[in-house]
Amino acid sequence: MTKKVVLPPQEGKPSDVEEVKAASNYLRGTLAESMQDELTAGIPDWDNKLLKFHGSYLQDDRDQRVERERKKLEPAYQFMVRLRLPAGVATPKQWLKLDELADKYGNGSIRLTTRQTVQFHGILKWNMKKHLQELNSVLIDTIAACGDVNRNVMCNANPYQSKLHKEVSEYAAKISEHLLPRTKAYYEIWLDHEKVVDTQEEQEPIYGALYLPRKFKIGIAVPPANDVDVFSQDIGLIAIVENDELVGFNVAIGGGMGMTHGDTRTYPQLGRLIGFVTKDKIVDVCEKIMTVQRDYGNRSDRKQARFKYTIDRLGLENVKKEIEKRLGYEFEEVRDFHFEHTGDRYGWIKGEDGKYHFTLFIQNGRIRDFENYPLKTAIREIAEIHKGEFRFTGNQNLIIANVSPRAKKSIEKIIDKYKLTESENYSALRRNSIACVALPTCGLAMAESERYLPTLIQKIEPMLKEFGLYDEDIVIRMSGCPNGCSRAAMAEIGFIGKAPGKYNLHLGGSFQGTRLAKLYKENIGEEEILATLRPIFEHYAKERLEGEHFGDFVIRAGYVEAVTDGRDFHKQKSNV
């Protein structure tokens, strides 16, 4: 029998979420009963906390809140469903099902996320079970896509290194599978599997009955590309290739973007390198690192519960020693690597195996049929003839992958028919942009993001043309709140929502994803944003060094100071 996980004693009263988990009977709670309650389109808060572990959140349409309150109606409740797609890979058959379900049960759109997966929005309570069952029919699940567990494992979407990408993708899938919760709750509630009669016999051999203190994220990067923002992950794995063979991974721990406005105890943090391990050990290494967080993460204050705070509280060396103790060996020295960019490379690329890959720019990850741009229809037509696969990138874009030379012409016809190469005419700033969903569906959003960033960029672009920067790659990101789903705190230009129409402007993240941005101006609206950026762009255009990226320039020019440790994120300029 599997040994039961017993957590070390902790100071402080367990948070309400810990109490919900403890009473949940391995994530069952009263979810099944709540989903059958026809008197409300919502579910109780305690069941919503458990629903996250099943890959979904209860949300409501915030655009309708005031009107519905006036009419004394409950909020316009709906559910977001997030898929578990390790390494962000889907077959054409699976894509066609996603396309169908977006119309059948969702709001008609598919949302590519910054964790290489897909979200559906607008699903009504009465359709949730049918939705998840239809996903299961094409071998897709949503287990652990949210909640206090290991989330979707990211992997570099590297279309020009086909053999290497395949191997690294397989490791992402192995890690994801190994770290999945073992409870049968998902299968019982959503897929009508036979219920476990005596759940006392049910065990979570890695997690234990309380799972993790907070969410946990793992990503794998293959240099020179860092499209997964590897240092934003709880565990960042950097593939080391020698003589064209994957030999192992450098391991970084303790990255994370979330924080709380006004609480300087919270901050974004970069993962810190602790060593190298050979590839055959990496699944076990991820498990042992995660169990350290399981045992020592803060279960009393959720704002201090992420792994980054555990490391900063206990000390990096102490955490490293504890990991090595559990492994039974020491890490090897970090091996050399070099990152060049975090962005995607658009258009056709020929892989080393002779197959082609087309990277399609998807603005903010939203796929639907727009006016004069039927994007969803175009991708559906491609899926109907495509024999390869679809890959989702950490930048919310889509790769039509593994296209044979013979099939390339047919797919090119559809690309031309629907003008899917129009992004070639976009500014480089727009092609390097990321925005989270924010309003109207995200309950945490303080300001617009996905619906506003394209408009803001449109107003910035004339300046870029004026100063000869239209084709200059600059990473710009916007988050509607400080939780940081768009990783705005690592952008060269980052906006973090503070209130409706107001944002904190951060500058100085690195183009390679190795540095945090620093607060430059607080709580500013559009007029001040444009007035602030204009002279900086002009200065950059006139005085940048050859090959110098915008984030590096604003540091060299003294606009902000470099931040490579999140504990310096809130410090005043003279004190960093």
Protein backbone atom coordinates (compact mmCIF):
# COMPACT_ATOMS: atom_id res chain seq x y z
CA MET A 1 0.00 0.00 0.00
CA THR A 2 1.21 3.50 -0.80
CA LYS A 3 2.64 5.36 2.16
CA LYS A 4 0.31 8.16 3.25
CA VAL A 5 1.63 11.72 2.88
CA VAL A 6 1.94 13.41 6.28
CA LEU A 7 2.74 17.13 6.21
CA PRO A 8 5.11 18.73 8.74
CA PRO A 9 3.35 20.96 11.31
CA GLN A 10 2.95 24.62 10.33
CA GLU A 11 2.36 27.83 12.23
CA GLY A 12 -0.91 29.68 11.67
CA LYS A 13 -4.46 28.63 11.03
CA PRO A 14 -5.00 26.84 7.69
CA SER A 15 -6.62 29.03 5.04
CA ASP A 16 -10.24 28.48 4.05
CA VAL A 17 -9.10 26.72 0.87
CA GLU A 18 -7.07 24.25 2.96
CA GLU A 19 -10.20 23.50 4.97
CA VAL A 20 -12.22 22.98 1.80
CA LYS A 21 -9.60 20.56 0.45
CA ALA A 22 -9.45 18.68 3.76
CA ALA A 23 -13.22 18.17 3.77
CA SER A 24 -13.51 17.45 0.04
CA ASN A 25 -13.01 13.68 0.03
CA TYR A 26 -10.28 13.92 -2.60
CA LEU A 27 -11.82 16.80 -4.60
CA ARG A 28 -15.40 15.51 -4.65
CA GLY A 29 -17.09 17.83 -2.16
CA THR A 30 -20.69 18.35 -3.16
CA LEU A 31 -19.81 19.18 -6.78
CA ALA A 32 -21.99 16.47 -8.31
CA GLU A 33 -25.01 17.65 -6.32
CA SER A 34 -24.35 21.36 -6.98
CA MET A 35 -24.10 20.81 -10.73
CA GLN A 36 -27.55 19.20 -10.66
CA ASP A 37 -29.19 22.05 -8.73
CA GLU A 38 -31.59 23.65 -11.22
CA LEU A 39 -32.51 26.60 -9.00
CA THR A 40 -29.34 28.52 -9.85
CA ALA A 41 -26.95 28.77 -12.77
CA GLY A 42 -24.08 29.03 -10.30
CA ILE A 43 -22.54 26.82 -7.63
CA PRO A 44 -21.49 27.51 -4.00
CA ASP A 45 -18.10 29.07 -3.42
CA TRP A 46 -16.65 25.98 -1.71
CA ASP A 47 -17.52 23.84 -4.73
CA ASN A 48 -16.09 26.46 -7.07
CA LYS A 49 -12.81 26.18 -5.16
CA LEU A 50 -12.83 22.43 -5.87
CA LEU A 51 -14.00 22.87 -9.46
CA LYS A 52 -10.67 24.53 -10.25
CA PHE A 53 -8.92 21.19 -9.71
CA HIS A 54 -11.22 19.79 -12.41
CA GLY A 55 -10.09 22.48 -14.87
CA SER A 56 -12.89 25.01 -14.63
CA TYR A 57 -13.95 28.25 -12.89
CA LEU A 58 -17.38 29.69 -12.31
CA GLN A 59 -17.47 33.19 -13.80
CA ASP A 60 -20.10 35.71 -14.77
CA ASP A 61 -20.48 38.26 -17.55
CA ARG A 62 -19.41 41.43 -15.78
CA ASP A 63 -20.77 43.58 -18.61
CA GLN A 64 -24.25 42.48 -17.50
CA ARG A 65 -23.81 42.81 -13.74
CA VAL A 66 -25.39 46.23 -13.18
CA GLU A 67 -28.38 45.56 -15.41
CA ARG A 68 -29.04 42.17 -13.84
CA GLU A 69 -28.76 43.63 -10.34
CA ARG A 70 -31.27 46.30 -11.33
CA LYS A 71 -33.66 43.58 -12.46
CA LYS A 72 -32.98 41.61 -9.25
CA LEU A 73 -31.54 38.70 -11.23
CA GLU A 74 -28.57 36.60 -10.22
CA PRO A 75 -25.33 37.29 -12.15
CA ALA A 76 -25.07 35.90 -15.70
CA TYR A 77 -23.18 32.83 -14.50
CA GLN A 78 -21.10 30.84 -16.93
CA PHE A 79 -18.11 28.55 -16.75
CA MET A 80 -14.62 28.75 -18.15
CA VAL A 81 -13.11 25.37 -19.09
CA ARG A 82 -9.35 24.97 -19.55
CA LEU A 83 -7.79 21.96 -21.27
CA ARG A 84 -4.78 19.93 -20.19
CA LEU A 85 -2.59 19.75 -23.28
CA PRO A 86 1.01 18.96 -22.29
CA ALA A 87 3.46 20.78 -24.60
CA GLY A 88 0.49 22.39 -26.35
CA VAL A 89 -0.14 19.77 -29.03
CA ALA A 90 -3.48 18.75 -30.61
CA THR A 91 -4.42 16.62 -33.61
CA PRO A 92 -6.60 17.94 -36.45
CA LYS A 93 -9.40 15.64 -35.23
CA GLN A 94 -9.15 17.17 -31.78
CA TRP A 95 -9.13 20.70 -33.23
CA LEU A 96 -12.32 20.01 -35.17
CA LYS A 97 -13.99 18.91 -31.95
CA LEU A 98 -12.80 22.09 -30.18
CA ASP A 99 -14.16 24.16 -33.05
CA GLU A 100 -17.51 22.38 -32.79
CA LEU A 101 -17.76 22.71 -29.01
CA ALA A 102 -16.97 26.44 -29.10
CA ASP A 103 -20.22 26.95 -31.00
CA LYS A 104 -22.23 24.19 -29.40
CA TYR A 105 -21.66 25.08 -25.75
CA GLY A 106 -19.33 28.10 -25.60
CA ASN A 107 -19.40 31.70 -26.80
CA GLY A 108 -18.31 30.86 -30.34
CA SER A 109 -14.61 31.47 -29.74
CA ILE A 110 -11.52 29.48 -28.79
CA ARG A 111 -8.95 31.15 -26.54
CA LEU A 112 -5.28 30.13 -26.77
CA THR A 113 -3.61 30.76 -23.42
CA THR A 114 -0.12 31.78 -22.31
CA ARG A 115 0.33 28.22 -20.98
CA GLN A 116 -0.01 26.58 -24.41
CA THR A 117 -3.51 25.35 -23.94
CA VAL A 118 -7.10 26.26 -24.81
CA GLN A 119 -9.88 27.90 -22.82
CA PHE A 120 -13.60 27.92 -23.55
CA HIS A 121 -15.75 30.71 -22.16
CA GLY A 122 -19.49 31.09 -21.76
CA ILE A 123 -20.41 27.47 -20.96
CA LEU A 124 -23.65 27.17 -19.03
CA LYS A 125 -23.96 24.90 -16.02
CA TRP A 126 -26.41 22.58 -17.78
CA ASN A 127 -23.87 21.95 -20.56
CA MET A 128 -20.74 21.40 -18.48
CA LYS A 129 -20.97 17.63 -18.19
CA LYS A 130 -21.81 17.17 -21.88
CA HIS A 131 -18.93 19.48 -22.79
CA LEU A 132 -16.37 17.50 -20.78
CA GLN A 133 -17.69 14.19 -22.07
CA GLU A 134 -17.35 15.33 -25.67
CA LEU A 135 -13.79 16.48 -24.97
CA ASN A 136 -13.10 13.03 -23.53
CA SER A 137 -14.36 11.45 -26.78
CA VAL A 138 -11.25 12.85 -28.51
CA LEU A 139 -8.95 11.97 -25.61
CA ILE A 140 -8.76 15.46 -24.09
CA ASP A 141 -9.30 16.13 -20.40
CA THR A 142 -9.19 19.15 -18.12
CA ILE A 143 -7.78 17.49 -14.99
CA ALA A 144 -5.47 19.77 -13.03
CA ALA A 145 -5.64 22.59 -15.58
CA CYS A 146 -6.36 24.85 -12.56
CA GLY A 147 -6.15 24.42 -8.78
CA ASP A 148 -3.41 23.76 -6.22
CA VAL A 149 -1.63 21.17 -8.34
CA ASN A 150 0.89 21.03 -11.15
CA ARG A 151 -0.69 22.84 -14.12
CA ASN A 152 -0.27 22.32 -17.87
CA VAL A 153 3.40 21.54 -18.57
CA MET A 154 4.77 23.90 -21.20
CA CYS A 155 7.36 23.05 -23.82
CA ASN A 156 9.25 25.04 -26.42
CA ALA A 157 7.32 25.05 -29.70
CA ASN A 158 10.42 24.67 -31.85
CA PRO A 159 9.34 23.99 -35.42
CA TYR A 160 12.81 23.97 -36.93
CA GLN A 161 14.26 21.33 -34.58
CA SER A 162 11.77 18.57 -35.23
CA LYS A 163 13.52 15.59 -33.66
CA LEU A 164 14.55 17.57 -30.60
CA HIS A 165 11.09 19.07 -30.16
CA LYS A 166 9.54 15.61 -30.28
CA GLU A 167 11.83 14.32 -27.54
CA VAL A 168 11.38 17.35 -25.31
CA SER A 169 7.59 17.23 -25.87
CA GLU A 170 7.61 13.63 -24.70
CA TYR A 171 9.32 14.69 -21.47
CA ALA A 172 6.68 17.38 -20.96
CA ALA A 173 3.98 14.72 -21.36
CA LYS A 174 5.78 12.33 -18.98
CA ILE A 175 6.10 15.02 -16.31
CA SER A 176 2.45 16.01 -16.71
CA GLU A 177 1.25 12.42 -16.47
CA HIS A 178 3.45 11.61 -13.48
CA LEU A 179 2.28 14.65 -11.52
CA LEU A 180 -1.44 14.21 -12.23
CA PRO A 181 -3.70 13.83 -9.19
CA ARG A 182 -4.74 10.18 -8.74
CA THR A 183 -8.23 10.82 -7.34
CA LYS A 184 -11.07 9.33 -9.38
CA ALA A 185 -13.33 12.30 -8.64
CA TYR A 186 -13.06 13.75 -12.16
CA TYR A 187 -14.04 10.47 -13.78
CA GLU A 188 -16.95 9.90 -11.41
CA ILE A 189 -18.46 13.39 -11.59
CA TRP A 190 -18.03 14.17 -15.28
CA LEU A 191 -17.58 10.86 -17.10
CA ASP A 192 -19.97 8.69 -15.06
CA HIS A 193 -17.34 6.16 -14.03
CA GLU A 194 -18.22 3.86 -11.18
CA LYS A 195 -17.77 5.56 -7.82
CA VAL A 196 -15.01 4.50 -5.45
CA VAL A 197 -16.93 2.80 -2.63
CA ASP A 198 -14.37 3.36 0.14
CA THR A 199 -12.38 6.52 -0.51
CA GLN A 200 -10.33 5.82 2.63
CA GLU A 201 -8.46 3.41 0.41
CA GLU A 202 -7.90 6.11 -2.19
CA GLN A 203 -4.46 7.68 -1.99
CA GLU A 204 -2.63 10.61 -3.51
CA PRO A 205 0.91 9.18 -3.39
CA ILE A 206 2.58 12.45 -4.41
CA TYR A 207 0.16 15.14 -3.28
CA GLY A 208 -1.56 13.76 -0.21
CA ALA A 209 -5.12 14.71 0.70
CA LEU A 210 -4.37 18.47 0.86
CA TYR A 211 -2.57 18.70 -2.50
CA LEU A 212 -0.25 21.74 -2.83
CA PRO A 213 -0.41 25.08 -0.97
CA ARG A 214 -0.91 26.90 -4.31
CA LYS A 215 -0.69 26.36 -8.06
CA PHE A 216 2.52 24.98 -9.51
CA LYS A 217 3.89 25.55 -13.01
CA ILE A 218 6.57 23.77 -15.05
CA GLY A 219 7.99 24.80 -18.43
CA ILE A 220 10.74 23.50 -20.71
CA ALA A 221 12.76 25.80 -22.97
CA VAL A 222 15.08 24.79 -25.79
CA PRO A 223 17.72 27.51 -26.35
CA PRO A 224 18.06 29.80 -28.19
CA ALA A 225 14.25 30.18 -27.94
CA ASN A 226 12.64 31.04 -24.60
CA ASP A 227 9.03 31.19 -25.74
CA VAL A 228 7.84 29.53 -22.50
CA ASP A 229 9.41 32.29 -20.36
CA VAL A 230 11.26 29.58 -18.49
CA PHE A 231 12.24 31.83 -15.57
CA SER A 232 8.57 32.60 -14.82
CA GLN A 233 7.94 28.95 -13.88
CA ASP A 234 8.00 27.25 -10.47
CA ILE A 235 10.28 24.75 -12.19
CA GLY A 236 12.02 25.97 -15.33
CA LEU A 237 13.89 23.35 -17.33
CA ILE A 238 16.44 24.45 -19.92
CA ALA A 239 17.26 21.73 -22.44
CA ILE A 240 20.99 21.18 -22.92
CA VAL A 241 21.94 19.86 -26.34
CA GLU A 242 25.43 18.53 -27.05
CA ASN A 243 26.46 17.07 -30.41
CA ASP A 244 22.85 17.44 -31.60
CA GLU A 245 21.61 15.20 -28.76
CA LEU A 246 19.52 16.13 -25.73
CA VAL A 247 21.69 15.25 -22.72
CA GLY A 248 19.71 16.79 -19.87
CA PHE A 249 18.36 19.97 -18.33
CA ASN A 250 19.49 22.94 -16.30
CA VAL A 251 17.00 23.37 -13.47
CA ALA A 252 15.69 26.75 -12.25
CA ILE A 253 13.22 27.02 -9.37
CA GLY A 254 10.92 29.59 -7.84
CA GLY A 255 9.66 31.75 -10.69
CA GLY A 256 6.18 33.27 -10.57
CA MET A 257 4.43 36.43 -11.74
CA GLY A 258 1.56 37.04 -9.33
CA MET A 259 1.47 39.77 -6.68
CA THR A 260 -1.05 42.00 -4.89
CA HIS A 261 -1.26 45.77 -5.40
CA GLY A 262 -0.23 47.63 -2.26
CA ASP A 263 1.31 44.59 -0.56
CA THR A 264 5.09 44.76 -0.89
CA ARG A 265 5.42 41.31 0.69
CA THR A 266 4.21 40.03 -2.69
CA TYR A 267 6.19 40.37 -5.90
CA PRO A 268 6.96 38.67 -9.22
CA GLN A 269 10.09 36.56 -9.09
CA LEU A 270 12.51 34.91 -11.52
CA GLY A 271 13.47 31.27 -11.25
CA ARG A 272 16.99 30.69 -9.97
CA LEU A 273 19.33 28.09 -11.42
CA ILE A 274 20.35 25.31 -9.02
CA GLY A 275 22.12 22.83 -11.30
CA PHE A 276 22.02 20.32 -14.14
CA VAL A 277 20.57 16.80 -14.30
CA THR A 278 20.63 14.18 -17.04
CA LYS A 279 17.41 13.67 -18.95
CA ASP A 280 16.66 10.22 -17.49
CA LYS A 281 16.28 11.78 -14.03
CA ILE A 282 14.14 14.77 -14.85
CA VAL A 283 10.68 13.35 -14.04
CA ASP A 284 11.79 12.32 -10.56
CA VAL A 285 13.57 15.65 -10.06
CA CYS A 286 10.31 17.51 -10.77
CA GLU A 287 8.46 15.31 -8.29
CA LYS A 288 11.01 15.84 -5.51
CA ILE A 289 11.10 19.62 -6.04
CA MET A 290 7.31 19.76 -5.94
CA THR A 291 7.17 17.72 -2.71
CA VAL A 292 9.42 20.27 -0.99
CA GLN A 293 6.84 22.92 -1.83
CA ARG A 294 4.07 20.55 -0.73
CA ASP A 295 5.70 20.13 2.68
CA TYR A 296 7.03 23.63 3.35
CA GLY A 297 4.80 26.00 1.37
CA ASN A 298 2.65 28.41 3.41
CA ARG A 299 -0.83 26.91 3.92
CA SER A 300 -2.07 29.74 6.12
CA ASP A 301 -1.65 32.83 3.91
CA ARG A 302 -2.36 32.13 0.24
CA LYS A 303 -0.69 35.39 -0.77
CA GLN A 304 2.55 33.90 0.56
CA ALA A 305 1.93 30.34 -0.60
CA ARG A 306 3.72 30.18 -3.96
CA PHE A 307 7.03 28.32 -4.21
CA LYS A 308 8.95 31.57 -4.79
CA TYR A 309 8.06 32.73 -1.26
CA THR A 310 8.96 29.35 0.23
CA ILE A 311 12.42 29.67 -1.33
CA ASP A 312 12.89 33.28 -0.27
CA ARG A 313 11.76 32.45 3.28
CA LEU A 314 13.91 29.34 3.72
CA GLY A 315 16.84 30.38 1.51
CA LEU A 316 17.78 29.04 -1.90
CA GLU A 317 20.69 26.93 -0.66
CA ASN A 318 18.59 25.34 2.07
CA VAL A 319 15.86 24.45 -0.42
CA LYS A 320 18.44 23.06 -2.85
CA LYS A 321 19.94 20.89 -0.09
CA GLU A 322 16.49 19.56 0.84
CA ILE A 323 15.80 18.66 -2.80
CA GLU A 324 19.16 16.90 -3.06
CA LYS A 325 18.46 15.02 0.18
CA ARG A 326 15.21 13.69 -1.30
CA LEU A 327 16.93 12.81 -4.57
CA GLY A 328 19.86 11.07 -2.87
CA TYR A 329 22.45 12.90 -4.99
CA GLU A 330 23.71 16.41 -5.74
CA PHE A 331 22.98 18.46 -8.84
CA GLU A 332 25.77 18.84 -11.38
CA GLU A 333 27.08 22.29 -12.28
CA VAL A 334 24.86 24.43 -14.53
CA ARG A 335 25.85 24.00 -18.18
CA ASP A 336 26.23 26.82 -20.70
CA PHE A 337 23.20 28.05 -22.63
CA HIS A 338 22.14 31.18 -24.44
CA PHE A 339 18.68 32.64 -25.07
CA GLU A 340 18.00 35.04 -27.94
CA HIS A 341 14.27 35.76 -27.78
CA THR A 342 10.92 34.95 -26.13
CA GLY A 343 8.80 35.61 -29.20
CA ASP A 344 7.63 33.42 -32.09
CA ARG A 345 8.90 33.40 -35.66
CA TYR A 346 5.99 33.74 -38.10
CA GLY A 347 5.31 32.18 -41.46
CA TRP A 348 6.72 28.98 -42.97
CA ILE A 349 9.77 27.22 -41.59
CA LYS A 350 11.23 23.99 -42.92
CA GLY A 351 12.15 21.49 -40.21
CA GLU A 352 15.22 19.31 -40.25
CA ASP A 353 13.04 16.33 -41.24
CA GLY A 354 11.89 18.06 -44.42
CA LYS A 355 8.40 18.89 -43.12
CA TYR A 356 7.04 22.42 -42.93
CA HIS A 357 5.54 24.42 -40.07
CA PHE A 358 3.45 27.58 -40.40
CA THR A 359 3.29 29.88 -37.36
CA LEU A 360 0.14 31.99 -37.43
CA PHE A 361 -0.16 35.19 -35.39
CA ILE A 362 -3.31 35.07 -33.24
CA GLN A 363 -3.88 38.45 -31.64
CA ASN A 364 -4.18 37.85 -27.88
CA GLY A 365 -4.98 34.20 -28.56
CA ARG A 366 -8.63 34.77 -29.53
CA ILE A 367 -9.87 32.59 -32.40
CA ARG A 368 -13.29 33.44 -33.81
CA ASP A 369 -14.75 34.71 -37.04
CA PHE A 370 -14.06 38.45 -36.98
CA GLU A 371 -15.64 40.90 -39.40
CA ASN A 372 -13.73 40.59 -42.70
CA TYR A 373 -11.43 38.03 -41.10
CA PRO A 374 -13.10 34.60 -40.59
CA LEU A 375 -10.18 33.16 -38.66
CA LYS A 376 -12.06 30.29 -37.01
CA THR A 377 -13.49 29.14 -40.33
CA ALA A 378 -10.06 29.26 -41.96
CA ILE A 379 -8.43 27.09 -39.29
CA ARG A 380 -11.34 24.65 -39.45
CA GLU A 381 -10.83 24.26 -43.21
CA ILE A 382 -7.12 23.63 -42.62
CA ALA A 383 -7.92 21.03 -39.94
CA GLU A 384 -10.19 19.19 -42.37
CA ILE A 385 -7.26 18.45 -44.72
CA HIS A 386 -4.26 18.64 -42.36
CA LYS A 387 -2.45 15.35 -41.58
CA GLY A 388 0.06 16.74 -39.09
CA GLU A 389 -0.71 18.48 -35.80
CA PHE A 390 -1.46 21.85 -34.27
CA ARG A 391 0.87 23.36 -31.67
CA PHE A 392 0.04 26.23 -29.36
CA THR A 393 2.82 28.60 -28.29
CA GLY A 394 3.38 30.37 -25.00
CA ASN A 395 2.75 33.62 -26.89
CA GLN A 396 -0.86 32.66 -27.71
CA ASN A 397 -0.09 31.79 -31.32
CA LEU A 398 -0.85 28.71 -33.45
CA ILE A 399 1.55 26.50 -35.41
CA ILE A 400 0.24 24.34 -38.24
CA ALA A 401 2.92 21.72 -37.77
CA ASN A 402 4.40 18.77 -39.66
CA VAL A 403 3.07 19.61 -43.10
CA SER A 404 4.47 17.45 -45.89
CA PRO A 405 5.85 19.20 -49.00
CA ARG A 406 2.96 17.76 -50.98
CA ALA A 407 0.28 19.00 -48.54
CA LYS A 408 1.86 22.45 -48.21
CA LYS A 409 0.28 23.76 -51.42
CA SER A 410 -3.25 22.85 -50.29
CA ILE A 411 -2.78 24.56 -46.95
CA GLU A 412 -1.20 27.60 -48.62
CA LYS A 413 -4.34 27.98 -50.73
CA ILE A 414 -6.46 28.26 -47.59
CA ILE A 415 -3.94 30.65 -46.01
CA ASP A 416 -4.10 32.87 -49.11
CA LYS A 417 -7.88 32.57 -49.41
CA TYR A 418 -8.44 33.91 -45.90
CA LYS A 419 -5.43 36.26 -45.91
CA LEU A 420 -3.87 34.64 -42.86
CA THR A 421 -0.53 36.28 -43.68
CA GLU A 422 -1.92 39.77 -43.08
CA SER A 423 0.07 39.87 -39.82
CA GLU A 424 3.17 40.41 -41.98
CA ASN A 425 1.94 44.00 -42.30
CA TYR A 426 1.52 44.45 -38.54
CA SER A 427 4.05 46.31 -36.47
CA ALA A 428 6.69 44.19 -34.74
CA LEU A 429 5.30 45.58 -31.46
CA ARG A 430 1.88 44.06 -32.20
CA ARG A 431 3.44 40.73 -33.19
CA ASN A 432 5.24 40.69 -29.82
CA SER A 433 2.14 41.50 -27.77
CA ILE A 434 0.33 39.38 -25.18
CA ALA A 435 -2.83 40.19 -23.22
CA CYS A 436 -4.79 38.18 -20.67
CA VAL A 437 -8.56 37.73 -20.98
CA ALA A 438 -9.56 40.17 -18.19
CA LEU A 439 -13.02 41.75 -18.65
CA PRO A 440 -15.78 40.78 -19.04
CA THR A 441 -15.33 37.20 -17.78
CA CYS A 442 -12.38 37.21 -15.36
CA GLY A 443 -13.54 37.90 -11.82
CA LEU A 444 -10.12 39.21 -10.82
CA ALA A 445 -9.76 41.83 -13.56
CA MET A 446 -9.38 45.44 -12.43
CA ALA A 447 -9.04 46.82 -15.96
CA GLU A 448 -9.44 45.80 -19.59
CA SER A 449 -6.68 43.82 -21.30
CA GLU A 450 -7.55 41.66 -24.31
CA ARG A 451 -10.24 44.09 -25.47
CA TYR A 452 -8.01 47.14 -25.02
CA LEU A 453 -4.39 46.31 -25.86
CA PRO A 454 -4.95 46.15 -29.67
CA THR A 455 -6.49 49.63 -29.56
CA LEU A 456 -3.63 51.02 -27.48
CA ILE A 457 -1.08 49.51 -29.85
CA GLN A 458 -2.93 51.10 -32.76
CA LYS A 459 -2.36 54.50 -31.10
CA ILE A 460 1.31 53.73 -30.40
CA GLU A 461 2.09 52.57 -33.94
CA PRO A 462 2.15 56.06 -35.56
CA MET A 463 4.96 56.99 -33.13
CA LEU A 464 6.88 53.86 -34.10
CA LYS A 465 6.55 54.79 -37.79
CA GLU A 466 7.61 58.35 -37.08
CA PHE A 467 10.77 57.22 -35.29
CA GLY A 468 11.61 54.33 -37.62
CA LEU A 469 10.74 51.64 -35.07
CA TYR A 470 7.77 50.01 -36.80
CA ASP A 471 9.72 46.83 -37.54
CA GLU A 472 11.69 46.83 -34.29
CA ASP A 473 10.87 43.84 -32.07
CA ILE A 474 9.69 45.14 -28.68
CA VAL A 475 7.86 42.90 -26.20
CA ILE A 476 4.65 44.53 -24.89
CA ARG A 477 2.21 42.81 -22.54
CA MET A 478 -0.90 43.75 -20.60
CA SER A 479 -2.55 42.14 -17.57
CA GLY A 480 -5.92 43.24 -16.24
CA CYS A 481 -4.78 42.59 -12.67
CA PRO A 482 -1.54 41.88 -10.80
CA ASN A 483 -1.91 38.09 -10.97
CA GLY A 484 0.17 38.27 -14.14
CA CYS A 485 -1.28 35.69 -16.54
CA SER A 486 0.24 37.57 -19.48
CA ARG A 487 3.64 37.74 -17.73
CA ALA A 488 3.57 41.55 -18.07
CA ALA A 489 6.13 41.89 -15.27
CA MET A 490 8.75 40.39 -17.61
CA ALA A 491 7.92 42.55 -20.65
CA GLU A 492 10.04 45.33 -22.09
CA ILE A 493 6.83 47.39 -21.83
CA GLY A 494 4.37 45.96 -19.31
CA PHE A 495 0.94 47.24 -18.25
CA ILE A 496 -0.68 45.91 -15.09
CA GLY A 497 -4.29 46.94 -14.47
CA LYS A 498 -5.02 49.06 -11.40
CA ALA A 499 -8.59 50.31 -12.04
CA PRO A 500 -10.88 50.81 -15.04
CA GLY A 501 -8.77 52.62 -17.64
CA LYS A 502 -5.76 52.87 -15.31
CA TYR A 503 -2.51 50.90 -15.44
CA ASN A 504 0.88 50.70 -13.81
CA LEU A 505 3.53 51.08 -16.51
CA HIS A 506 6.59 48.86 -16.11
CA LEU A 507 9.73 49.09 -18.24
CA GLY A 508 12.98 47.18 -18.61
CA GLY A 509 12.18 43.50 -18.90
CA SER A 510 14.57 41.68 -21.18
CA PHE A 511 13.87 40.55 -24.74
CA GLN A 512 15.33 37.16 -23.80
CA GLY A 513 13.09 36.73 -20.73
CA THR A 514 15.87 36.95 -18.13
CA ARG A 515 14.92 40.11 -16.21
CA LEU A 516 11.90 41.68 -14.51
CA ALA A 517 10.40 45.00 -15.55
CA LYS A 518 10.41 47.89 -13.08
CA LEU A 519 7.56 50.26 -12.20
CA TYR A 520 8.05 53.51 -14.11
CA LYS A 521 4.69 55.27 -13.68
CA GLU A 522 1.74 54.33 -11.52
CA ASN A 523 -2.00 54.43 -12.15
CA ILE A 524 -1.98 56.22 -15.52
CA GLY A 525 -4.56 56.36 -18.29
CA GLU A 526 -4.23 56.30 -22.05
CA GLU A 527 -3.35 59.95 -22.57
CA GLU A 528 -0.49 59.80 -20.07
CA ILE A 529 0.65 56.41 -21.39
CA LEU A 530 1.08 57.84 -24.89
CA ALA A 531 2.68 61.04 -23.62
CA THR A 532 5.11 59.01 -21.50
CA LEU A 533 6.17 56.56 -24.19
CA ARG A 534 6.65 59.07 -27.00
CA PRO A 535 9.88 60.75 -25.77
CA ILE A 536 11.30 57.37 -24.69
CA PHE A 537 10.73 55.94 -28.18
CA GLU A 538 12.32 59.02 -29.71
CA HIS A 539 15.31 58.74 -27.38
CA TYR A 540 15.67 55.03 -28.18
CA ALA A 541 15.51 55.65 -31.93
CA LYS A 542 18.25 58.28 -31.75
CA GLU A 543 20.66 56.84 -29.21
CA ARG A 544 20.33 53.05 -29.13
CA LEU A 545 23.43 51.00 -29.75
CA GLU A 546 23.60 48.56 -32.63
CA GLY A 547 21.42 45.54 -31.81
CA GLU A 548 20.33 47.04 -28.47
CA HIS A 549 16.85 46.00 -27.41
CA PHE A 550 14.37 48.46 -25.93
CA GLY A 551 14.40 46.86 -22.47
CA ASP A 552 18.19 47.07 -22.31
CA PHE A 553 18.16 50.67 -23.53
CA VAL A 554 15.76 52.01 -20.90
CA ILE A 555 18.08 50.61 -18.22
CA ARG A 556 21.25 51.97 -19.82
CA ALA A 557 19.56 55.36 -20.33
CA GLY A 558 18.52 55.50 -16.67
CA TYR A 559 14.73 55.34 -16.99
CA VAL A 560 14.62 52.33 -14.65
CA GLU A 561 17.14 50.09 -12.92
CA ALA A 562 17.61 46.43 -13.74
CA VAL A 563 15.69 43.96 -11.58
CA THR A 564 16.90 40.37 -11.52
CA ASP A 565 15.52 39.47 -8.08
CA GLY A 566 11.85 39.98 -7.24
CA ARG A 567 12.73 41.12 -3.74
CA ASP A 568 14.01 44.31 -5.41
CA PHE A 569 10.84 44.77 -7.49
CA HIS A 570 9.24 47.34 -5.16
CA LYS A 571 12.44 49.10 -4.04
CA GLN A 572 12.84 52.75 -4.90
CA LYS A 573 15.33 53.56 -7.64
CA SER A 574 18.14 54.73 -5.38
CA ASN A 575 17.83 51.70 -3.09
CA VAL A 576 18.01 48.86 -5.65
